[in-house]
Amino acid sequence: MFGEQVKRRIGLLVLTALMLAWGATACGGAVSPTAEPSATPRSAGKLDTGLEGSLSIQGVVRDSSGDVASGVHVAVTAYEGGVYWELGGSGDRLLGDWELYTDETGSYSFDHLTKVADGHYQVWFNGGPEDGPMVENSGYYIINEASGDVHLLSDGEPRPDFRYSRDGSDDIYSLDVTVHPVTGSALVAVIDYEDADGAVKNYFSKPLGPDHRIEINRAPGPAHPGYTIGDHFTSDGSEGYVGDLAGGTYELLFQFVRSDGVATTHTSPAFEIDPGEAKRFEYTIPLNP
């Protein structure tokens, strides 16, 4: 998949291109912006990015019951460049990042963004509602192809929660999402992988090979599209842990370089986590998936 083409667009549910930063007792910080407790939201409903562009990213946030969700933290980051996994890090140019909270109608709007060819925009929902349960972190990538095609990063299938429209000379990216209250669910991941040297190795062991990444995603289903939750695993060097989940159907995404230098991307089978459950998931990544 990678080989001579180091830069290549990642497919279904590969929604982040940041490396895990492994410490003495933990691997990886959260890849997404997270809400900080605040009695006074920085901005509610609408925010002018100050870029003086013609693009708005906007939408309505609802909870899993279908009611509008106010006070949810929303963060947008804009990049010039596509979404890639590039060995050694991404070379995309940051245009800026902004944050607000949804208003009483569950609405949000980031206005006057710059629309660039071959650009992408990360949209993250987390924290809040401020007077209710915390919601599961969820992230989406909006891709603006150099060809002019605009879509969410997926397998090329239309997404019912995303629309691209124009209002005169202005571009509007509408992303309506459902957020899920955190129920105390958690994941303990026990992961091995078959390496090219014939050995079966622990994915969390140290020292790791270059560009090891692991990411947890909510798997898409008939009732809801999928999204990324992040790479905020902690580890003792033998297994990984992630909490603050809502429960549901999940997948793990792995990106790593084998001992023979081959860069590998692999997605685990989907698995269920019940509300409030601490799920133990054991999986071995095959050499030739």
C-alpha atoms as a PDB file:
ATOM      1  CA  MET A   1       0.000   0.000   0.000  1.00  0.00           C
ATOM      2  CA  PHE A   2       2.787   2.419   0.754  1.00  0.00           C
ATOM      3  CA  GLY A   3       6.090   1.194  -0.787  1.00  0.00           C
ATOM      4  CA  GLU A   4       7.400   3.730  -3.234  1.00  0.00           C
ATOM      5  CA  GLN A   5       4.492   6.071  -2.624  1.00  0.00           C
ATOM      6  CA  VAL A   6       5.210   7.345   0.851  1.00  0.00           C
ATOM      7  CA  LYS A   7       2.447   9.904   0.578  1.00  0.00           C
ATOM      8  CA  ARG A   8      -0.868   8.221  -0.070  1.00  0.00           C
ATOM      9  CA  ARG A   9      -4.398   8.975   0.961  1.00  0.00           C
ATOM     10  CA  ILE A  10      -5.646   6.818   3.792  1.00  0.00           C
ATOM     11  CA  GLY A  11      -8.994   5.042   3.277  1.00  0.00           C
ATOM     12  CA  LEU A  12     -12.018   4.256   5.433  1.00  0.00           C
ATOM     13  CA  LEU A  13     -11.900   5.596   9.002  1.00  0.00           C
ATOM     14  CA  VAL A  14      -8.244   6.644   8.828  1.00  0.00           C
ATOM     15  CA  LEU A  15      -9.038  10.003  10.312  1.00  0.00           C
ATOM     16  CA  THR A  16      -5.793  11.058  11.880  1.00  0.00           C
ATOM     17  CA  ALA A  17      -2.157  11.295  10.932  1.00  0.00           C
ATOM     18  CA  LEU A  18      -0.467  12.075  14.203  1.00  0.00           C
ATOM     19  CA  MET A  19       2.115   9.810  15.861  1.00  0.00           C
ATOM     20  CA  LEU A  20       1.729   8.305  19.283  1.00  0.00           C
ATOM     21  CA  ALA A  21       4.169   9.809  21.744  1.00  0.00           C
ATOM     22  CA  TRP A  22       5.209   6.977  24.042  1.00  0.00           C
ATOM     23  CA  GLY A  23       6.360   7.808  27.570  1.00  0.00           C
ATOM     24  CA  ALA A  24       7.617   5.727  30.436  1.00  0.00           C
ATOM     25  CA  THR A  25       4.096   4.673  31.455  1.00  0.00           C
ATOM     26  CA  ALA A  26       1.855   5.998  28.669  1.00  0.00           C
ATOM     27  CA  CYS A  27       1.548   5.960  24.913  1.00  0.00           C
ATOM     28  CA  GLY A  28       0.109   8.821  22.989  1.00  0.00           C
ATOM     29  CA  GLY A  29      -1.677  11.983  23.968  1.00  0.00           C
ATOM     30  CA  ALA A  30      -5.079  12.801  22.605  1.00  0.00           C
ATOM     31  CA  VAL A  31      -4.885  13.688  18.943  1.00  0.00           C
ATOM     32  CA  SER A  32      -7.950  15.878  19.133  1.00  0.00           C
ATOM     33  CA  PRO A  33      -8.672  19.200  20.799  1.00  0.00           C
ATOM     34  CA  THR A  34     -10.433  18.643  24.121  1.00  0.00           C
ATOM     35  CA  ALA A  35     -12.675  20.904  26.109  1.00  0.00           C
ATOM     36  CA  GLU A  36     -11.389  22.527  29.262  1.00  0.00           C
ATOM     37  CA  PRO A  37     -13.842  23.128  32.109  1.00  0.00           C
ATOM     38  CA  SER A  38     -15.087  26.666  31.906  1.00  0.00           C
ATOM     39  CA  ALA A  39     -18.018  28.459  33.513  1.00  0.00           C
ATOM     40  CA  THR A  40     -18.080  30.909  30.601  1.00  0.00           C
ATOM     41  CA  PRO A  41     -17.883  29.443  27.069  1.00  0.00           C
ATOM     42  CA  ARG A  42     -15.438  31.280  24.833  1.00  0.00           C
ATOM     43  CA  SER A  43     -18.000  31.523  22.064  1.00  0.00           C
ATOM     44  CA  ALA A  44     -21.433  30.024  21.504  1.00  0.00           C
ATOM     45  CA  GLY A  45     -23.104  29.229  18.199  1.00  0.00           C
ATOM     46  CA  LYS A  46     -21.091  31.336  15.730  1.00  0.00           C
ATOM     47  CA  LEU A  47     -17.444  32.307  15.378  1.00  0.00           C
ATOM     48  CA  ASP A  48     -15.647  34.490  12.840  1.00  0.00           C
ATOM     49  CA  THR A  49     -12.296  32.841  12.095  1.00  0.00           C
ATOM     50  CA  GLY A  50     -10.835  36.103  10.815  1.00  0.00           C
ATOM     51  CA  LEU A  51      -9.434  34.509   7.658  1.00  0.00           C
ATOM     52  CA  GLU A  52     -11.751  36.611   5.485  1.00  0.00           C
ATOM     53  CA  GLY A  53     -12.548  33.628   3.304  1.00  0.00           C
ATOM     54  CA  SER A  54     -15.835  32.514   1.751  1.00  0.00           C
ATOM     55  CA  LEU A  55     -16.205  29.161   3.539  1.00  0.00           C
ATOM     56  CA  SER A  56     -18.407  28.283   6.517  1.00  0.00           C
ATOM     57  CA  ILE A  57     -18.427  24.964   8.383  1.00  0.00           C
ATOM     58  CA  GLN A  58     -21.690  24.631  10.248  1.00  0.00           C
ATOM     59  CA  GLY A  59     -24.269  22.183  11.494  1.00  0.00           C
ATOM     60  CA  VAL A  60     -26.505  20.952  14.273  1.00  0.00           C
ATOM     61  CA  VAL A  61     -25.474  18.600  17.080  1.00  0.00           C
ATOM     62  CA  ARG A  62     -27.989  16.160  18.543  1.00  0.00           C
ATOM     63  CA  ASP A  63     -27.743  13.614  21.308  1.00  0.00           C
ATOM     64  CA  SER A  64     -28.425   9.899  20.916  1.00  0.00           C
ATOM     65  CA  SER A  65     -32.117  10.509  21.732  1.00  0.00           C
ATOM     66  CA  GLY A  66     -32.435  12.898  18.789  1.00  0.00           C
ATOM     67  CA  ASP A  67     -32.719  16.047  20.908  1.00  0.00           C
ATOM     68  CA  VAL A  68     -30.576  19.094  20.128  1.00  0.00           C
ATOM     69  CA  ALA A  69     -27.436  19.224  22.273  1.00  0.00           C
ATOM     70  CA  SER A  70     -26.395  22.644  23.555  1.00  0.00           C
ATOM     71  CA  GLY A  71     -23.079  23.404  25.271  1.00  0.00           C
ATOM     72  CA  VAL A  72     -21.081  20.812  23.295  1.00  0.00           C
ATOM     73  CA  HIS A  73     -17.482  21.832  22.623  1.00  0.00           C
ATOM     74  CA  VAL A  74     -16.648  22.010  18.891  1.00  0.00           C
ATOM     75  CA  ALA A  75     -13.153  22.602  17.489  1.00  0.00           C
ATOM     76  CA  VAL A  76     -12.110  23.146  13.866  1.00  0.00           C
ATOM     77  CA  THR A  77      -8.572  22.936  12.509  1.00  0.00           C
ATOM     78  CA  ALA A  78      -7.804  23.889   8.899  1.00  0.00           C
ATOM     79  CA  TYR A  79      -4.888  22.560   6.860  1.00  0.00           C
ATOM     80  CA  GLU A  80      -3.610  23.179   3.367  1.00  0.00           C
ATOM     81  CA  GLY A  81      -2.882  19.724   2.014  1.00  0.00           C
ATOM     82  CA  GLY A  82      -4.564  16.330   1.900  1.00  0.00           C
ATOM     83  CA  VAL A  83      -4.922  13.735   4.640  1.00  0.00           C
ATOM     84  CA  TYR A  84      -1.897  11.494   4.530  1.00  0.00           C
ATOM     85  CA  TRP A  85       0.151   9.185   6.640  1.00  0.00           C
ATOM     86  CA  GLU A  86       3.650  10.282   5.767  1.00  0.00           C
ATOM     87  CA  LEU A  87       6.476   8.387   7.431  1.00  0.00           C
ATOM     88  CA  GLY A  88       8.133  10.726   9.893  1.00  0.00           C
ATOM     89  CA  GLY A  89       5.124  13.032  10.152  1.00  0.00           C
ATOM     90  CA  SER A  90       2.744  15.089   8.090  1.00  0.00           C
ATOM     91  CA  GLY A  91       3.849  18.006   5.960  1.00  0.00           C
ATOM     92  CA  ASP A  92       0.470  19.716   5.732  1.00  0.00           C
ATOM     93  CA  ARG A  93       0.445  23.453   6.480  1.00  0.00           C
ATOM     94  CA  LEU A  94      -1.697  24.617   9.395  1.00  0.00           C
ATOM     95  CA  LEU A  95      -4.005  27.509   8.519  1.00  0.00           C
ATOM     96  CA  GLY A  96      -5.483  27.896  11.999  1.00  0.00           C
ATOM     97  CA  ASP A  97      -7.662  26.395  14.709  1.00  0.00           C
ATOM     98  CA  TRP A  98     -10.767  27.678  16.493  1.00  0.00           C
ATOM     99  CA  GLU A  99     -13.289  26.492  19.079  1.00  0.00           C
ATOM    100  CA  LEU A 100     -16.783  27.270  20.328  1.00  0.00           C
ATOM    101  CA  TYR A 101     -19.771  25.704  22.083  1.00  0.00           C
ATOM    102  CA  THR A 102     -23.095  24.829  20.470  1.00  0.00           C
ATOM    103  CA  ASP A 103     -25.911  27.252  21.262  1.00  0.00           C
ATOM    104  CA  GLU A 104     -29.353  26.477  22.703  1.00  0.00           C
ATOM    105  CA  THR A 105     -30.493  25.093  19.313  1.00  0.00           C
ATOM    106  CA  GLY A 106     -27.495  22.749  19.086  1.00  0.00           C
ATOM    107  CA  SER A 107     -26.077  24.847  16.253  1.00  0.00           C
ATOM    108  CA  TYR A 108     -22.495  25.834  15.484  1.00  0.00           C
ATOM    109  CA  SER A 109     -20.892  27.822  12.657  1.00  0.00           C
ATOM    110  CA  PHE A 110     -17.264  28.661  11.873  1.00  0.00           C
ATOM    111  CA  ASP A 111     -17.358  31.491   9.332  1.00  0.00           C
ATOM    112  CA  HIS A 112     -14.971  33.144   6.851  1.00  0.00           C
ATOM    113  CA  LEU A 113     -12.642  30.163   6.564  1.00  0.00           C
ATOM    114  CA  THR A 114     -10.355  29.951   3.561  1.00  0.00           C
ATOM    115  CA  LYS A 115     -11.218  27.261   1.055  1.00  0.00           C
ATOM    116  CA  VAL A 116      -8.052  25.821  -0.476  1.00  0.00           C
ATOM    117  CA  ALA A 117      -7.582  23.197  -3.151  1.00  0.00           C
ATOM    118  CA  ASP A 118      -6.316  19.917  -1.713  1.00  0.00           C
ATOM    119  CA  GLY A 119      -7.096  21.097   1.819  1.00  0.00           C
ATOM    120  CA  HIS A 120      -8.714  19.420   4.778  1.00  0.00           C
ATOM    121  CA  TYR A 121     -10.590  20.480   7.880  1.00  0.00           C
ATOM    122  CA  GLN A 122     -10.754  18.536  11.132  1.00  0.00           C
ATOM    123  CA  VAL A 123     -13.976  18.952  13.121  1.00  0.00           C
ATOM    124  CA  TRP A 124     -14.015  17.579  16.686  1.00  0.00           C
ATOM    125  CA  PHE A 125     -16.897  17.305  19.130  1.00  0.00           C
ATOM    126  CA  ASN A 126     -16.280  16.638  22.822  1.00  0.00           C
ATOM    127  CA  GLY A 127     -16.901  17.856  26.337  1.00  0.00           C
ATOM    128  CA  GLY A 128     -20.288  19.238  27.442  1.00  0.00           C
ATOM    129  CA  PRO A 129     -23.185  19.531  27.520  1.00  0.00           C
ATOM    130  CA  GLU A 130     -22.103  21.785  30.354  1.00  0.00           C
ATOM    131  CA  ASP A 131     -25.043  20.916  32.590  1.00  0.00           C
ATOM    132  CA  GLY A 132     -25.385  17.280  31.488  1.00  0.00           C
ATOM    133  CA  PRO A 133     -23.353  14.157  30.789  1.00  0.00           C
ATOM    134  CA  MET A 134     -19.998  14.319  29.034  1.00  0.00           C
ATOM    135  CA  VAL A 135     -20.044  13.070  25.449  1.00  0.00           C
ATOM    136  CA  GLU A 136     -17.725  10.682  23.664  1.00  0.00           C
ATOM    137  CA  ASN A 137     -14.961  12.396  21.688  1.00  0.00           C
ATOM    138  CA  SER A 138     -15.722  12.296  17.950  1.00  0.00           C
ATOM    139  CA  GLY A 139     -13.786  13.611  14.979  1.00  0.00           C
ATOM    140  CA  TYR A 140     -14.455  14.057  11.264  1.00  0.00           C
ATOM    141  CA  TYR A 141     -12.277  15.127   8.327  1.00  0.00           C
ATOM    142  CA  ILE A 142     -13.721  17.238   5.521  1.00  0.00           C
ATOM    143  CA  ILE A 143     -11.662  16.828   2.356  1.00  0.00           C
ATOM    144  CA  ASN A 144     -11.507  19.427  -0.398  1.00  0.00           C
ATOM    145  CA  GLU A 145      -9.949  17.657  -3.372  1.00  0.00           C
ATOM    146  CA  ALA A 146      -7.870  19.602  -5.870  1.00  0.00           C
ATOM    147  CA  SER A 147     -10.480  18.474  -8.427  1.00  0.00           C
ATOM    148  CA  GLY A 148     -13.129  20.449  -6.536  1.00  0.00           C
ATOM    149  CA  ASP A 149     -14.834  17.417  -4.983  1.00  0.00           C
ATOM    150  CA  VAL A 150     -15.765  17.960  -1.312  1.00  0.00           C
ATOM    151  CA  HIS A 151     -16.591  15.047   0.998  1.00  0.00           C
ATOM    152  CA  LEU A 152     -15.936  13.459   4.357  1.00  0.00           C
ATOM    153  CA  LEU A 153     -12.986  11.097   4.486  1.00  0.00           C
ATOM    154  CA  SER A 154     -14.538   7.674   4.004  1.00  0.00           C
ATOM    155  CA  ASP A 155     -14.568   4.982   1.377  1.00  0.00           C
ATOM    156  CA  GLY A 156     -16.045   7.317  -1.176  1.00  0.00           C
ATOM    157  CA  GLU A 157     -19.629   6.637  -0.135  1.00  0.00           C
ATOM    158  CA  PRO A 158     -22.064   9.550   0.350  1.00  0.00           C
ATOM    159  CA  ARG A 159     -22.594  10.528   3.971  1.00  0.00           C
ATOM    160  CA  PRO A 160     -26.107  11.571   5.028  1.00  0.00           C
ATOM    161  CA  ASP A 161     -24.679  13.785   7.784  1.00  0.00           C
ATOM    162  CA  PHE A 162     -22.595  15.949   5.412  1.00  0.00           C
ATOM    163  CA  ARG A 163     -23.649  18.337   2.639  1.00  0.00           C
ATOM    164  CA  TYR A 164     -21.791  20.796   0.430  1.00  0.00           C
ATOM    165  CA  SER A 165     -23.739  23.766  -0.908  1.00  0.00           C
ATOM    166  CA  ARG A 166     -23.195  27.292  -2.187  1.00  0.00           C
ATOM    167  CA  ASP A 167     -24.940  30.503  -1.205  1.00  0.00           C
ATOM    168  CA  GLY A 168     -24.001  32.956  -3.908  1.00  0.00           C
ATOM    169  CA  SER A 169     -20.197  33.065  -3.861  1.00  0.00           C
ATOM    170  CA  ASP A 170     -19.966  31.456  -0.405  1.00  0.00           C
ATOM    171  CA  ASP A 171     -19.265  27.771   0.217  1.00  0.00           C
ATOM    172  CA  ILE A 172     -21.066  25.947   3.044  1.00  0.00           C
ATOM    173  CA  TYR A 173     -19.955  22.633   4.504  1.00  0.00           C
ATOM    174  CA  SER A 174     -22.854  21.350   6.648  1.00  0.00           C
ATOM    175  CA  LEU A 175     -21.966  18.606   9.136  1.00  0.00           C
ATOM    176  CA  ASP A 176     -24.825  17.434  11.371  1.00  0.00           C
ATOM    177  CA  VAL A 177     -23.699  14.924  13.988  1.00  0.00           C
ATOM    178  CA  THR A 178     -24.951  12.791  16.851  1.00  0.00           C
ATOM    179  CA  VAL A 179     -22.960  12.747  20.078  1.00  0.00           C
ATOM    180  CA  HIS A 180     -23.105   9.900  22.598  1.00  0.00           C
ATOM    181  CA  PRO A 181     -23.013  10.406  26.376  1.00  0.00           C
ATOM    182  CA  VAL A 182     -20.076   8.787  28.154  1.00  0.00           C
ATOM    183  CA  THR A 183     -21.308   5.796  30.164  1.00  0.00           C
ATOM    184  CA  GLY A 184     -18.090   4.688  31.858  1.00  0.00           C
ATOM    185  CA  SER A 185     -17.249   2.189  29.124  1.00  0.00           C
ATOM    186  CA  ALA A 186     -13.576   1.468  28.572  1.00  0.00           C
ATOM    187  CA  LEU A 187     -11.316  -0.710  26.445  1.00  0.00           C
ATOM    188  CA  VAL A 188      -8.327  -2.832  27.443  1.00  0.00           C
ATOM    189  CA  ALA A 189      -6.537  -3.787  24.213  1.00  0.00           C
ATOM    190  CA  VAL A 190      -4.198  -6.787  24.181  1.00  0.00           C
ATOM    191  CA  ILE A 191      -2.599  -6.631  20.743  1.00  0.00           C
ATOM    192  CA  ASP A 192       0.099  -8.726  19.076  1.00  0.00           C
ATOM    193  CA  TYR A 193       1.334  -8.609  15.496  1.00  0.00           C
ATOM    194  CA  GLU A 194       3.049 -11.092  13.221  1.00  0.00           C
ATOM    195  CA  ASP A 195       6.288  -9.481  12.083  1.00  0.00           C
ATOM    196  CA  ALA A 196       8.270 -10.122   8.920  1.00  0.00           C
ATOM    197  CA  ASP A 197      11.075 -11.818  10.900  1.00  0.00           C
ATOM    198  CA  GLY A 198       8.693 -14.607  11.905  1.00  0.00           C
ATOM    199  CA  ALA A 199       8.184 -13.454  15.499  1.00  0.00           C
ATOM    200  CA  VAL A 200       4.871 -12.542  17.116  1.00  0.00           C
ATOM    201  CA  LYS A 201       5.364  -9.244  18.968  1.00  0.00           C
ATOM    202  CA  ASN A 202       3.410  -7.146  21.450  1.00  0.00           C
ATOM    203  CA  TYR A 203       2.115  -3.986  19.799  1.00  0.00           C
ATOM    204  CA  PHE A 204       2.595  -1.956  22.989  1.00  0.00           C
ATOM    205  CA  SER A 205       6.050  -3.232  23.952  1.00  0.00           C
ATOM    206  CA  LYS A 206       9.089  -0.979  24.099  1.00  0.00           C
ATOM    207  CA  PRO A 207      11.124  -0.086  22.195  1.00  0.00           C
ATOM    208  CA  LEU A 208       8.609   0.166  19.375  1.00  0.00           C
ATOM    209  CA  GLY A 209       9.317   0.285  15.692  1.00  0.00           C
ATOM    210  CA  PRO A 210       8.969   3.570  13.793  1.00  0.00           C
ATOM    211  CA  ASP A 211       5.583   5.165  13.254  1.00  0.00           C
ATOM    212  CA  HIS A 212       3.548   2.868  15.488  1.00  0.00           C
ATOM    213  CA  ARG A 213       0.029   4.239  15.780  1.00  0.00           C
ATOM    214  CA  ILE A 214      -3.194   2.872  17.217  1.00  0.00           C
ATOM    215  CA  GLU A 215      -6.556   4.574  16.998  1.00  0.00           C
ATOM    216  CA  ILE A 216     -10.030   3.717  18.229  1.00  0.00           C
ATOM    217  CA  ASN A 217     -12.992   4.449  15.968  1.00  0.00           C
ATOM    218  CA  ARG A 218     -16.742   4.055  16.281  1.00  0.00           C
ATOM    219  CA  ALA A 219     -17.617   1.657  13.474  1.00  0.00           C
ATOM    220  CA  PRO A 220     -20.280   2.778  11.006  1.00  0.00           C
ATOM    221  CA  GLY A 221     -23.662   1.092  11.212  1.00  0.00           C
ATOM    222  CA  PRO A 222     -27.175   1.374   9.773  1.00  0.00           C
ATOM    223  CA  ALA A 223     -28.217   3.868  12.447  1.00  0.00           C
ATOM    224  CA  HIS A 224     -25.110   6.047  12.542  1.00  0.00           C
ATOM    225  CA  PRO A 225     -22.017   6.930  10.498  1.00  0.00           C
ATOM    226  CA  GLY A 226     -18.628   6.122  11.954  1.00  0.00           C
ATOM    227  CA  TYR A 227     -16.126   8.570  13.387  1.00  0.00           C
ATOM    228  CA  THR A 228     -12.730   8.593  15.035  1.00  0.00           C
ATOM    229  CA  ILE A 229     -12.390   8.870  18.807  1.00  0.00           C
ATOM    230  CA  GLY A 230      -8.620   9.323  19.010  1.00  0.00           C
ATOM    231  CA  ASP A 231      -5.344   7.653  19.947  1.00  0.00           C
ATOM    232  CA  HIS A 232      -5.356   8.548  23.641  1.00  0.00           C
ATOM    233  CA  PHE A 233      -4.296   5.125  24.903  1.00  0.00           C
ATOM    234  CA  THR A 234      -2.251   4.632  28.049  1.00  0.00           C
ATOM    235  CA  SER A 235      -0.055   1.570  28.350  1.00  0.00           C
ATOM    236  CA  ASP A 236       2.076  -0.367  30.798  1.00  0.00           C
ATOM    237  CA  GLY A 237       4.146  -1.766  27.932  1.00  0.00           C
ATOM    238  CA  SER A 238       2.020  -4.870  27.465  1.00  0.00           C
ATOM    239  CA  GLU A 239      -1.561  -3.690  26.901  1.00  0.00           C
ATOM    240  CA  GLY A 240      -3.349  -0.447  26.104  1.00  0.00           C
ATOM    241  CA  TYR A 241      -6.256   1.261  27.845  1.00  0.00           C
ATOM    242  CA  VAL A 242      -8.706   3.942  26.769  1.00  0.00           C
ATOM    243  CA  GLY A 243     -11.674   5.226  28.754  1.00  0.00           C
ATOM    244  CA  ASP A 244     -14.454   7.833  28.438  1.00  0.00           C
ATOM    245  CA  LEU A 245     -16.409   5.729  25.945  1.00  0.00           C
ATOM    246  CA  ALA A 246     -20.143   5.631  25.386  1.00  0.00           C
ATOM    247  CA  GLY A 247     -20.465   1.987  24.426  1.00  0.00           C
ATOM    248  CA  GLY A 248     -21.381   0.613  21.012  1.00  0.00           C
ATOM    249  CA  THR A 249     -19.528  -0.923  18.073  1.00  0.00           C
ATOM    250  CA  TYR A 250     -15.846  -0.068  17.718  1.00  0.00           C
ATOM    251  CA  GLU A 251     -12.800  -0.841  15.571  1.00  0.00           C
ATOM    252  CA  LEU A 252      -9.077  -0.361  16.082  1.00  0.00           C
ATOM    253  CA  LEU A 253      -6.883   1.113  13.372  1.00  0.00           C
ATOM    254  CA  PHE A 254      -3.190   0.203  13.337  1.00  0.00           C
ATOM    255  CA  GLN A 255      -0.403   1.911  11.388  1.00  0.00           C
ATOM    256  CA  PHE A 256       3.147   0.666  11.839  1.00  0.00           C
ATOM    257  CA  VAL A 257       6.332  -0.279  10.050  1.00  0.00           C
ATOM    258  CA  ARG A 258       7.354  -3.946  10.083  1.00  0.00           C
ATOM    259  CA  SER A 259      10.917  -5.077  10.690  1.00  0.00           C
ATOM    260  CA  ASP A 260      11.431  -5.392   6.912  1.00  0.00           C
ATOM    261  CA  GLY A 261      10.555  -1.716   6.428  1.00  0.00           C
ATOM    262  CA  VAL A 262       7.081  -2.266   5.002  1.00  0.00           C
ATOM    263  CA  ALA A 263       4.559   0.310   6.211  1.00  0.00           C
ATOM    264  CA  THR A 264       1.301  -1.372   7.176  1.00  0.00           C
ATOM    265  CA  THR A 265      -2.232  -0.127   7.805  1.00  0.00           C
ATOM    266  CA  HIS A 266      -4.760  -2.573   9.230  1.00  0.00           C
ATOM    267  CA  THR A 267      -8.215  -2.361  10.813  1.00  0.00           C
ATOM    268  CA  SER A 268      -9.364  -4.883  13.401  1.00  0.00           C
ATOM    269  CA  PRO A 269     -12.685  -6.691  13.238  1.00  0.00           C
ATOM    270  CA  ALA A 270     -15.522  -4.732  14.838  1.00  0.00           C
ATOM    271  CA  PHE A 271     -16.371  -5.495  18.460  1.00  0.00           C
ATOM    272  CA  GLU A 272     -19.069  -4.456  20.912  1.00  0.00           C
ATOM    273  CA  ILE A 273     -18.649  -2.631  24.207  1.00  0.00           C
ATOM    274  CA  ASP A 274     -21.731  -2.462  26.407  1.00  0.00           C
ATOM    275  CA  PRO A 275     -22.572   0.744  28.306  1.00  0.00           C
ATOM    276  CA  GLY A 276     -20.484   0.792  31.474  1.00  0.00           C
ATOM    277  CA  GLU A 277     -18.412  -2.239  30.428  1.00  0.00           C
ATOM    278  CA  ALA A 278     -14.609  -2.442  30.633  1.00  0.00           C
ATOM    279  CA  LYS A 279     -14.058  -4.544  27.514  1.00  0.00           C
ATOM    280  CA  ARG A 280     -10.963  -6.723  27.113  1.00  0.00           C
ATOM    281  CA  PHE A 281     -10.187  -7.148  23.416  1.00  0.00           C
ATOM    282  CA  GLU A 282      -7.431  -9.555  22.342  1.00  0.00           C
ATOM    283  CA  TYR A 283      -6.267  -9.540  18.727  1.00  0.00           C
ATOM    284  CA  THR A 284      -3.272 -10.549  16.616  1.00  0.00           C
ATOM    285  CA  ILE A 285      -2.561  -8.532  13.456  1.00  0.00           C
ATOM    286  CA  PRO A 286      -1.777 -11.020  10.674  1.00  0.00           C
ATOM    287  CA  LEU A 287       1.350 -10.634   8.567  1.00  0.00           C
ATOM    288  CA  ASN A 288      -0.636 -10.672   5.328  1.00  0.00           C
ATOM    289  CA  PRO A 289      -4.120  -9.369   6.155  1.00  0.00           C
END
